[in-house]
């Protein structure tokens, strides 16, 4: 999917892919509806970083979840 377009569908796609890649239980509370259009660039930056990596340490996963939490409405 082309994530360069700021749409609700794109945000939903990125959030779901982040959740799949991290395979974390506590990230299940994160939904694409928690993010508004103004936060799109930050969400995309997190998405791109997560997709580039193959493994995450527990501290990295925690930091990603914290960043997503900061972006929530």
N, C-alpha and C. Protein backbone atom coordinates (compact mmCIF):
# COMPACT_ATOMS: atom_id res chain seq x y z
N UNK A 1 0.84 -1.18 0.00
CA UNK A 1 0.00 0.00 0.00
C UNK A 1 0.89 1.24 0.00
N UNK A 2 0.46 2.25 -0.71
CA UNK A 2 1.17 3.53 -0.76
C UNK A 2 0.80 4.33 0.48
N UNK A 3 1.76 4.52 1.37
CA UNK A 3 1.49 5.21 2.64
C UNK A 3 1.78 6.71 2.56
N UNK A 4 1.98 7.21 1.37
CA UNK A 4 2.27 8.63 1.23
C UNK A 4 1.01 9.49 1.25
N UNK A 5 -0.16 8.87 1.20
CA UNK A 5 -1.42 9.62 1.21
C UNK A 5 -2.05 9.58 2.59
N UNK A 6 -2.41 10.74 3.09
CA UNK A 6 -2.98 10.89 4.42
C UNK A 6 -4.48 10.59 4.36
N UNK A 7 -4.81 9.30 4.52
CA UNK A 7 -6.21 8.90 4.54
C UNK A 7 -6.45 8.01 5.76
N UNK A 8 -7.72 7.86 6.11
CA UNK A 8 -8.06 6.99 7.24
C UNK A 8 -7.66 5.55 6.95
N UNK A 9 -7.82 5.13 5.70
CA UNK A 9 -7.46 3.76 5.32
C UNK A 9 -5.95 3.53 5.47
N UNK A 10 -5.16 4.52 5.08
CA UNK A 10 -3.71 4.40 5.20
C UNK A 10 -3.30 4.34 6.66
N UNK A 11 -3.89 5.19 7.49
CA UNK A 11 -3.57 5.17 8.92
C UNK A 11 -3.93 3.83 9.53
N UNK A 12 -5.09 3.29 9.16
CA UNK A 12 -5.52 1.99 9.66
C UNK A 12 -4.54 0.91 9.23
N UNK A 13 -4.12 0.94 7.98
CA UNK A 13 -3.16 -0.03 7.46
C UNK A 13 -1.85 0.03 8.24
N UNK A 14 -1.33 1.24 8.45
CA UNK A 14 -0.05 1.38 9.15
C UNK A 14 -0.14 0.89 10.59
N UNK A 15 -1.21 1.24 11.28
CA UNK A 15 -1.38 0.79 12.67
C UNK A 15 -1.46 -0.73 12.73
N UNK A 16 -2.21 -1.34 11.83
CA UNK A 16 -2.33 -2.80 11.83
C UNK A 16 -0.99 -3.47 11.53
N UNK A 17 -0.23 -2.93 10.60
CA UNK A 17 1.08 -3.50 10.28
C UNK A 17 2.06 -3.34 11.44
N UNK A 18 2.02 -2.21 12.13
CA UNK A 18 2.87 -2.03 13.30
C UNK A 18 2.51 -3.06 14.36
N UNK A 19 1.23 -3.25 14.61
CA UNK A 19 0.78 -4.22 15.61
C UNK A 19 1.21 -5.63 15.22
N UNK A 20 1.08 -5.99 13.95
CA UNK A 20 1.49 -7.32 13.49
C UNK A 20 3.00 -7.52 13.67
N UNK A 21 3.76 -6.53 13.29
CA UNK A 21 5.22 -6.66 13.34
C UNK A 21 5.73 -6.75 14.78
N UNK A 22 5.13 -5.98 15.68
CA UNK A 22 5.59 -6.00 17.07
C UNK A 22 5.05 -7.19 17.85
N UNK A 23 3.92 -7.72 17.43
CA UNK A 23 3.31 -8.88 18.08
C UNK A 23 3.20 -8.68 19.59
N UNK A 24 2.68 -7.54 19.96
CA UNK A 24 2.58 -7.21 21.39
C UNK A 24 1.13 -7.19 21.83
N UNK A 25 0.91 -7.64 23.04
CA UNK A 25 -0.43 -7.65 23.60
C UNK A 25 -0.93 -6.24 23.91
N UNK A 26 -0.11 -5.42 24.56
CA UNK A 26 -0.59 -4.12 25.01
C UNK A 26 -0.75 -3.10 23.90
N UNK A 27 -0.28 -3.40 22.71
CA UNK A 27 -0.49 -2.47 21.60
C UNK A 27 -1.88 -2.65 20.99
N UNK A 28 -2.58 -3.68 21.40
CA UNK A 28 -3.93 -3.92 20.90
C UNK A 28 -4.88 -2.78 21.20
N UNK A 29 -4.59 -1.99 22.20
CA UNK A 29 -5.43 -0.85 22.55
C UNK A 29 -5.25 0.31 21.59
N UNK A 30 -4.24 0.25 20.74
CA UNK A 30 -3.98 1.32 19.79
C UNK A 30 -4.81 1.07 18.54
N UNK A 31 -5.58 2.08 18.16
CA UNK A 31 -6.42 1.99 16.97
C UNK A 31 -6.13 3.19 16.08
N UNK A 32 -6.36 3.02 14.80
CA UNK A 32 -6.10 4.12 13.86
C UNK A 32 -6.99 5.33 14.15
N UNK A 33 -8.14 5.11 14.76
CA UNK A 33 -9.03 6.23 15.09
C UNK A 33 -8.47 7.12 16.18
N UNK A 34 -7.42 6.67 16.86
CA UNK A 34 -6.77 7.46 17.90
C UNK A 34 -5.87 8.55 17.32
N UNK A 35 -5.65 8.52 16.02
CA UNK A 35 -4.73 9.45 15.39
C UNK A 35 -5.49 10.37 14.44
N UNK A 36 -5.15 11.66 14.48
CA UNK A 36 -5.80 12.58 13.55
C UNK A 36 -4.85 12.89 12.40
N UNK A 37 -5.35 13.64 11.43
CA UNK A 37 -4.58 13.94 10.22
C UNK A 37 -3.30 14.69 10.53
N UNK A 38 -3.28 15.48 11.59
CA UNK A 38 -2.10 16.25 11.94
C UNK A 38 -0.96 15.36 12.43
N UNK A 39 -1.27 14.18 12.89
CA UNK A 39 -0.27 13.26 13.42
C UNK A 39 0.21 12.25 12.38
N UNK A 40 -0.28 12.39 11.17
CA UNK A 40 0.00 11.40 10.13
C UNK A 40 1.50 11.22 9.88
N UNK A 41 2.23 12.31 9.75
CA UNK A 41 3.67 12.21 9.45
C UNK A 41 4.41 11.46 10.55
N UNK A 42 4.09 11.72 11.80
CA UNK A 42 4.74 11.03 12.91
C UNK A 42 4.40 9.54 12.89
N UNK A 43 3.14 9.24 12.62
CA UNK A 43 2.72 7.83 12.53
C UNK A 43 3.45 7.14 11.39
N UNK A 44 3.57 7.81 10.26
CA UNK A 44 4.28 7.22 9.12
C UNK A 44 5.75 7.01 9.44
N UNK A 45 6.38 7.93 10.16
CA UNK A 45 7.78 7.76 10.55
C UNK A 45 7.94 6.51 11.42
N UNK A 46 7.05 6.33 12.37
CA UNK A 46 7.10 5.14 13.23
C UNK A 46 6.89 3.88 12.39
N UNK A 47 5.90 3.92 11.51
CA UNK A 47 5.60 2.78 10.63
C UNK A 47 6.84 2.40 9.81
N UNK A 48 7.46 3.38 9.17
CA UNK A 48 8.62 3.10 8.32
C UNK A 48 9.79 2.53 9.12
N UNK A 49 10.02 3.05 10.33
CA UNK A 49 11.09 2.53 11.17
C UNK A 49 10.81 1.08 11.58
N UNK A 50 9.57 0.80 11.95
CA UNK A 50 9.19 -0.55 12.37
C UNK A 50 9.34 -1.52 11.20
N UNK A 51 8.93 -1.13 10.02
CA UNK A 51 9.00 -2.02 8.86
C UNK A 51 10.45 -2.30 8.43
N UNK A 52 11.37 -1.38 8.71
CA UNK A 52 12.77 -1.58 8.33
C UNK A 52 13.48 -2.61 9.20
N UNK A 53 13.07 -2.72 10.45
CA UNK A 53 13.77 -3.59 11.40
C UNK A 53 13.22 -5.02 11.35
N UNK A 54 14.09 -5.98 11.65
CA UNK A 54 13.65 -7.37 11.69
C UNK A 54 13.43 -7.86 13.11
N UNK A 55 14.14 -7.27 14.07
CA UNK A 55 14.01 -7.67 15.47
C UNK A 55 13.95 -6.43 16.34
N UNK A 56 13.27 -6.58 17.48
CA UNK A 56 13.13 -5.48 18.43
C UNK A 56 13.46 -5.98 19.83
N UNK A 57 14.21 -5.19 20.55
CA UNK A 57 14.46 -5.51 21.95
C UNK A 57 13.23 -5.09 22.74
N UNK A 58 13.06 -5.62 23.93
CA UNK A 58 11.92 -5.19 24.75
C UNK A 58 11.90 -3.68 24.99
N UNK A 59 13.06 -3.08 25.18
CA UNK A 59 13.09 -1.63 25.40
C UNK A 59 12.70 -0.86 24.14
N UNK A 60 13.07 -1.38 22.97
CA UNK A 60 12.66 -0.73 21.72
C UNK A 60 11.14 -0.83 21.54
N UNK A 61 10.59 -1.98 21.83
CA UNK A 61 9.13 -2.15 21.72
C UNK A 61 8.41 -1.20 22.67
N UNK A 62 8.93 -1.08 23.88
CA UNK A 62 8.32 -0.18 24.85
C UNK A 62 8.38 1.26 24.37
N UNK A 63 9.51 1.65 23.80
CA UNK A 63 9.67 3.02 23.30
C UNK A 63 8.70 3.29 22.15
N UNK A 64 8.50 2.33 21.28
CA UNK A 64 7.57 2.50 20.17
C UNK A 64 6.14 2.66 20.69
N UNK A 65 5.76 1.82 21.64
CA UNK A 65 4.43 1.92 22.22
C UNK A 65 4.24 3.27 22.91
N UNK A 66 5.28 3.73 23.60
CA UNK A 66 5.19 5.03 24.26
C UNK A 66 5.02 6.16 23.24
N UNK A 67 5.75 6.08 22.14
CA UNK A 67 5.62 7.11 21.11
C UNK A 67 4.22 7.09 20.49
N UNK A 68 3.69 5.91 20.25
CA UNK A 68 2.33 5.82 19.73
C UNK A 68 1.34 6.40 20.74
N UNK A 69 1.58 6.14 22.00
CA UNK A 69 0.72 6.68 23.05
C UNK A 69 0.74 8.20 23.08
N UNK A 70 1.90 8.80 22.85
CA UNK A 70 2.01 10.25 22.82
C UNK A 70 1.25 10.86 21.65
N UNK A 71 1.10 10.12 20.57
CA UNK A 71 0.42 10.63 19.39
C UNK A 71 -1.10 10.53 19.48
N UNK A 72 -1.59 9.71 20.39
CA UNK A 72 -3.04 9.48 20.47
C UNK A 72 -3.79 10.77 20.79
N UNK A 73 -4.99 10.87 20.24
CA UNK A 73 -5.87 12.02 20.53
C UNK A 73 -6.22 12.05 21.99
